Amino acid sequence: MIDGNHLLATALRCGIETIPAQLVEGLSGLEAFKLAIRSNEASETVVPTTFVDIAEFIWKLDQEGKKDKEIAEILGWNSRSQFETMKQRLS
Protein backbone atom coordinates (compact mmCIF):
# COMPACT_ATOMS: atom_id res chain seq x y z
CA MET A 1 0.00 0.00 0.00
CA ILE A 2 1.47 3.31 -1.11
CA ASP A 3 -1.13 5.68 0.22
CA GLY A 4 -4.24 5.46 2.34
CA ASN A 5 -2.92 3.61 5.38
CA HIS A 6 -4.80 5.91 7.75
CA LEU A 7 -8.01 5.66 5.73
CA LEU A 8 -7.82 1.87 5.74
CA ALA A 9 -7.10 1.69 9.47
CA THR A 10 -10.02 4.01 10.25
CA ALA A 11 -12.37 2.09 7.97
CA LEU A 12 -11.46 -1.21 9.62
CA ARG A 13 -11.98 0.26 13.11
CA CYS A 14 -15.43 1.43 12.00
CA GLY A 15 -16.33 -1.98 10.59
CA ILE A 16 -16.20 -0.85 6.97
CA GLU A 17 -15.04 -3.76 4.87
CA THR A 18 -14.46 -2.04 1.53
CA ILE A 19 -12.98 1.30 0.53
CA PRO A 20 -12.35 2.88 -2.86
CA ALA A 21 -8.84 2.11 -4.08
CA GLN A 22 -6.70 2.28 -7.16
CA LEU A 23 -4.58 -0.79 -7.85
CA VAL A 24 -1.28 -0.13 -9.61
CA GLU A 25 0.77 -3.21 -10.38
CA GLY A 26 4.30 -3.67 -11.62
CA LEU A 27 5.92 -0.65 -9.97
CA SER A 28 9.56 -0.89 -9.02
CA GLY A 29 10.53 0.02 -5.47
CA LEU A 30 11.79 3.36 -6.74
CA GLU A 31 8.58 4.09 -8.65
CA ALA A 32 6.48 3.18 -5.62
CA PHE A 33 8.51 5.43 -3.35
CA LYS A 34 8.31 8.33 -5.82
CA LEU A 35 4.53 7.89 -5.96
CA ALA A 36 4.36 7.79 -2.15
CA ILE A 37 6.41 11.00 -1.85
CA ARG A 38 4.19 12.81 -4.37
CA SER A 39 1.05 11.55 -2.67
CA ASN A 40 2.30 12.58 0.74
CA GLU A 41 3.21 16.05 -0.50
CA ALA A 42 -0.42 16.52 -1.48
CA SER A 43 -1.50 15.86 2.12
CA GLU A 44 1.57 17.22 3.92
CA THR A 45 -0.52 19.02 6.52
CA VAL A 46 -2.05 15.72 7.64
CA VAL A 47 0.99 13.43 7.76
CA PRO A 48 4.24 15.27 7.07
CA THR A 49 7.19 13.50 5.51
CA THR A 50 9.95 13.46 8.07
CA PHE A 51 13.57 14.40 7.59
CA VAL A 52 14.46 10.78 8.39
CA ASP A 53 12.17 9.47 5.61
CA ILE A 54 13.86 11.68 3.04
CA ALA A 55 17.36 11.00 4.40
CA GLU A 56 16.85 7.23 4.22
CA PHE A 57 15.55 7.53 0.68
CA ILE A 58 18.53 9.66 -0.40
CA TRP A 59 20.93 7.20 1.22
CA LYS A 60 19.27 4.27 -0.56
CA LEU A 61 19.45 5.97 -3.94
CA ASP A 62 23.07 6.95 -3.32
CA GLN A 63 23.91 3.33 -2.50
CA GLU A 64 22.27 2.30 -5.79
CA GLY A 65 24.71 4.60 -7.60
CA LYS A 66 22.34 7.43 -8.42
CA LYS A 67 23.98 10.80 -9.05
CA ASP A 68 23.04 13.89 -7.05
CA LYS A 69 21.13 15.40 -9.96
CA GLU A 70 19.12 12.20 -10.48
CA ILE A 71 18.20 12.05 -6.79
CA ALA A 72 17.12 15.70 -6.80
CA GLU A 73 14.93 15.07 -9.85
CA ILE A 74 13.37 11.98 -8.26
CA LEU A 75 12.49 14.03 -5.18
CA GLY A 76 11.09 16.81 -7.33
CA TRP A 77 13.64 19.28 -6.04
CA ASN A 78 14.17 21.88 -8.75
CA SER A 79 16.85 23.73 -6.82
CA ARG A 80 20.39 22.48 -6.40
CA SER A 81 20.52 24.31 -3.06
CA GLN A 82 17.70 22.13 -1.65
CA PHE A 83 19.73 19.01 -2.38
CA GLU A 84 23.01 20.49 -1.12
CA THR A 85 21.35 21.55 2.13
CA MET A 86 20.03 18.04 2.70
CA LYS A 87 23.40 16.45 1.92
CA GLN A 88 25.13 18.77 4.40
CA ARG A 89 22.67 17.77 7.11
CA LEU A 90 23.38 14.11 6.41
CA SER A 91 27.16 14.55 6.64
C-alpha atoms as a PDB file:
ATOM      1  CA  MET A   1       0.000   0.000   0.000  1.00  0.00           C
ATOM      2  CA  ILE A   2       1.473   3.305  -1.105  1.00  0.00           C
ATOM      3  CA  ASP A   3      -1.131   5.677   0.217  1.00  0.00           C
ATOM      4  CA  GLY A   4      -4.243   5.457   2.341  1.00  0.00           C
ATOM      5  CA  ASN A   5      -2.917   3.610   5.382  1.00  0.00           C
ATOM      6  CA  HIS A   6      -4.803   5.910   7.754  1.00  0.00           C
ATOM      7  CA  LEU A   7      -8.008   5.663   5.729  1.00  0.00           C
ATOM      8  CA  LEU A   8      -7.824   1.869   5.741  1.00  0.00           C
ATOM      9  CA  ALA A   9      -7.101   1.686   9.474  1.00  0.00           C
ATOM     10  CA  THR A  10     -10.020   4.006  10.249  1.00  0.00           C
ATOM     11  CA  ALA A  11     -12.374   2.091   7.972  1.00  0.00           C
ATOM     12  CA  LEU A  12     -11.461  -1.213   9.615  1.00  0.00           C
ATOM     13  CA  ARG A  13     -11.975   0.258  13.108  1.00  0.00           C
ATOM     14  CA  CYS A  14     -15.427   1.426  11.998  1.00  0.00           C
ATOM     15  CA  GLY A  15     -16.327  -1.977  10.592  1.00  0.00           C
ATOM     16  CA  ILE A  16     -16.203  -0.852   6.974  1.00  0.00           C
ATOM     17  CA  GLU A  17     -15.041  -3.757   4.866  1.00  0.00           C
ATOM     18  CA  THR A  18     -14.463  -2.043   1.526  1.00  0.00           C
ATOM     19  CA  ILE A  19     -12.981   1.305   0.532  1.00  0.00           C
ATOM     20  CA  PRO A  20     -12.351   2.881  -2.856  1.00  0.00           C
ATOM     21  CA  ALA A  21      -8.841   2.107  -4.076  1.00  0.00           C
ATOM     22  CA  GLN A  22      -6.698   2.278  -7.157  1.00  0.00           C
ATOM     23  CA  LEU A  23      -4.576  -0.788  -7.854  1.00  0.00           C
ATOM     24  CA  VAL A  24      -1.284  -0.127  -9.611  1.00  0.00           C
ATOM     25  CA  GLU A  25       0.769  -3.207 -10.380  1.00  0.00           C
ATOM     26  CA  GLY A  26       4.299  -3.666 -11.622  1.00  0.00           C
ATOM     27  CA  LEU A  27       5.920  -0.649  -9.968  1.00  0.00           C
ATOM     28  CA  SER A  28       9.561  -0.891  -9.024  1.00  0.00           C
ATOM     29  CA  GLY A  29      10.531   0.021  -5.469  1.00  0.00           C
ATOM     30  CA  LEU A  30      11.794   3.362  -6.740  1.00  0.00           C
ATOM     31  CA  GLU A  31       8.584   4.092  -8.647  1.00  0.00           C
ATOM     32  CA  ALA A  32       6.481   3.176  -5.615  1.00  0.00           C
ATOM     33  CA  PHE A  33       8.513   5.434  -3.345  1.00  0.00           C
ATOM     34  CA  LYS A  34       8.305   8.334  -5.817  1.00  0.00           C
ATOM     35  CA  LEU A  35       4.534   7.894  -5.956  1.00  0.00           C
ATOM     36  CA  ALA A  36       4.360   7.794  -2.154  1.00  0.00           C
ATOM     37  CA  ILE A  37       6.413  10.996  -1.845  1.00  0.00           C
ATOM     38  CA  ARG A  38       4.186  12.808  -4.366  1.00  0.00           C
ATOM     39  CA  SER A  39       1.046  11.550  -2.667  1.00  0.00           C
ATOM     40  CA  ASN A  40       2.297  12.580   0.744  1.00  0.00           C
ATOM     41  CA  GLU A  41       3.209  16.054  -0.498  1.00  0.00           C
ATOM     42  CA  ALA A  42      -0.424  16.521  -1.478  1.00  0.00           C
ATOM     43  CA  SER A  43      -1.501  15.862   2.116  1.00  0.00           C
ATOM     44  CA  GLU A  44       1.571  17.217   3.921  1.00  0.00           C
ATOM     45  CA  THR A  45      -0.515  19.023   6.524  1.00  0.00           C
ATOM     46  CA  VAL A  46      -2.054  15.723   7.640  1.00  0.00           C
ATOM     47  CA  VAL A  47       0.993  13.433   7.764  1.00  0.00           C
ATOM     48  CA  PRO A  48       4.244  15.273   7.071  1.00  0.00           C
ATOM     49  CA  THR A  49       7.194  13.498   5.507  1.00  0.00           C
ATOM     50  CA  THR A  50       9.955  13.456   8.072  1.00  0.00           C
ATOM     51  CA  PHE A  51      13.573  14.399   7.589  1.00  0.00           C
ATOM     52  CA  VAL A  52      14.461  10.782   8.387  1.00  0.00           C
ATOM     53  CA  ASP A  53      12.173   9.474   5.610  1.00  0.00           C
ATOM     54  CA  ILE A  54      13.857  11.680   3.040  1.00  0.00           C
ATOM     55  CA  ALA A  55      17.355  11.004   4.399  1.00  0.00           C
ATOM     56  CA  GLU A  56      16.847   7.233   4.224  1.00  0.00           C
ATOM     57  CA  PHE A  57      15.547   7.528   0.680  1.00  0.00           C
ATOM     58  CA  ILE A  58      18.529   9.662  -0.397  1.00  0.00           C
ATOM     59  CA  TRP A  59      20.930   7.203   1.222  1.00  0.00           C
ATOM     60  CA  LYS A  60      19.267   4.265  -0.558  1.00  0.00           C
ATOM     61  CA  LEU A  61      19.447   5.971  -3.938  1.00  0.00           C
ATOM     62  CA  ASP A  62      23.066   6.945  -3.323  1.00  0.00           C
ATOM     63  CA  GLN A  63      23.911   3.329  -2.498  1.00  0.00           C
ATOM     64  CA  GLU A  64      22.274   2.301  -5.786  1.00  0.00           C
ATOM     65  CA  GLY A  65      24.713   4.596  -7.597  1.00  0.00           C
ATOM     66  CA  LYS A  66      22.340   7.431  -8.419  1.00  0.00           C
ATOM     67  CA  LYS A  67      23.981  10.796  -9.047  1.00  0.00           C
ATOM     68  CA  ASP A  68      23.038  13.891  -7.047  1.00  0.00           C
ATOM     69  CA  LYS A  69      21.127  15.396  -9.963  1.00  0.00           C
ATOM     70  CA  GLU A  70      19.116  12.200 -10.476  1.00  0.00           C
ATOM     71  CA  ILE A  71      18.196  12.052  -6.793  1.00  0.00           C
ATOM     72  CA  ALA A  72      17.122  15.705  -6.799  1.00  0.00           C
ATOM     73  CA  GLU A  73      14.926  15.074  -9.849  1.00  0.00           C
ATOM     74  CA  ILE A  74      13.370  11.979  -8.260  1.00  0.00           C
ATOM     75  CA  LEU A  75      12.488  14.027  -5.181  1.00  0.00           C
ATOM     76  CA  GLY A  76      11.091  16.808  -7.328  1.00  0.00           C
ATOM     77  CA  TRP A  77      13.643  19.281  -6.044  1.00  0.00           C
ATOM     78  CA  ASN A  78      14.175  21.877  -8.747  1.00  0.00           C
ATOM     79  CA  SER A  79      16.847  23.728  -6.817  1.00  0.00           C
ATOM     80  CA  ARG A  80      20.387  22.482  -6.399  1.00  0.00           C
ATOM     81  CA  SER A  81      20.520  24.313  -3.062  1.00  0.00           C
ATOM     82  CA  GLN A  82      17.704  22.131  -1.653  1.00  0.00           C
ATOM     83  CA  PHE A  83      19.732  19.012  -2.375  1.00  0.00           C
ATOM     84  CA  GLU A  84      23.013  20.485  -1.120  1.00  0.00           C
ATOM     85  CA  THR A  85      21.349  21.551   2.133  1.00  0.00           C
ATOM     86  CA  MET A  86      20.028  18.040   2.703  1.00  0.00           C
ATOM     87  CA  LYS A  87      23.404  16.453   1.922  1.00  0.00           C
ATOM     88  CA  GLN A  88      25.125  18.775   4.400  1.00  0.00           C
ATOM     89  CA  ARG A  89      22.670  17.775   7.112  1.00  0.00           C
ATOM     90  CA  LEU A  90      23.381  14.112   6.409  1.00  0.00           C
ATOM     91  CA  SER A  91      27.161  14.550   6.636  1.00  0.00           C
END
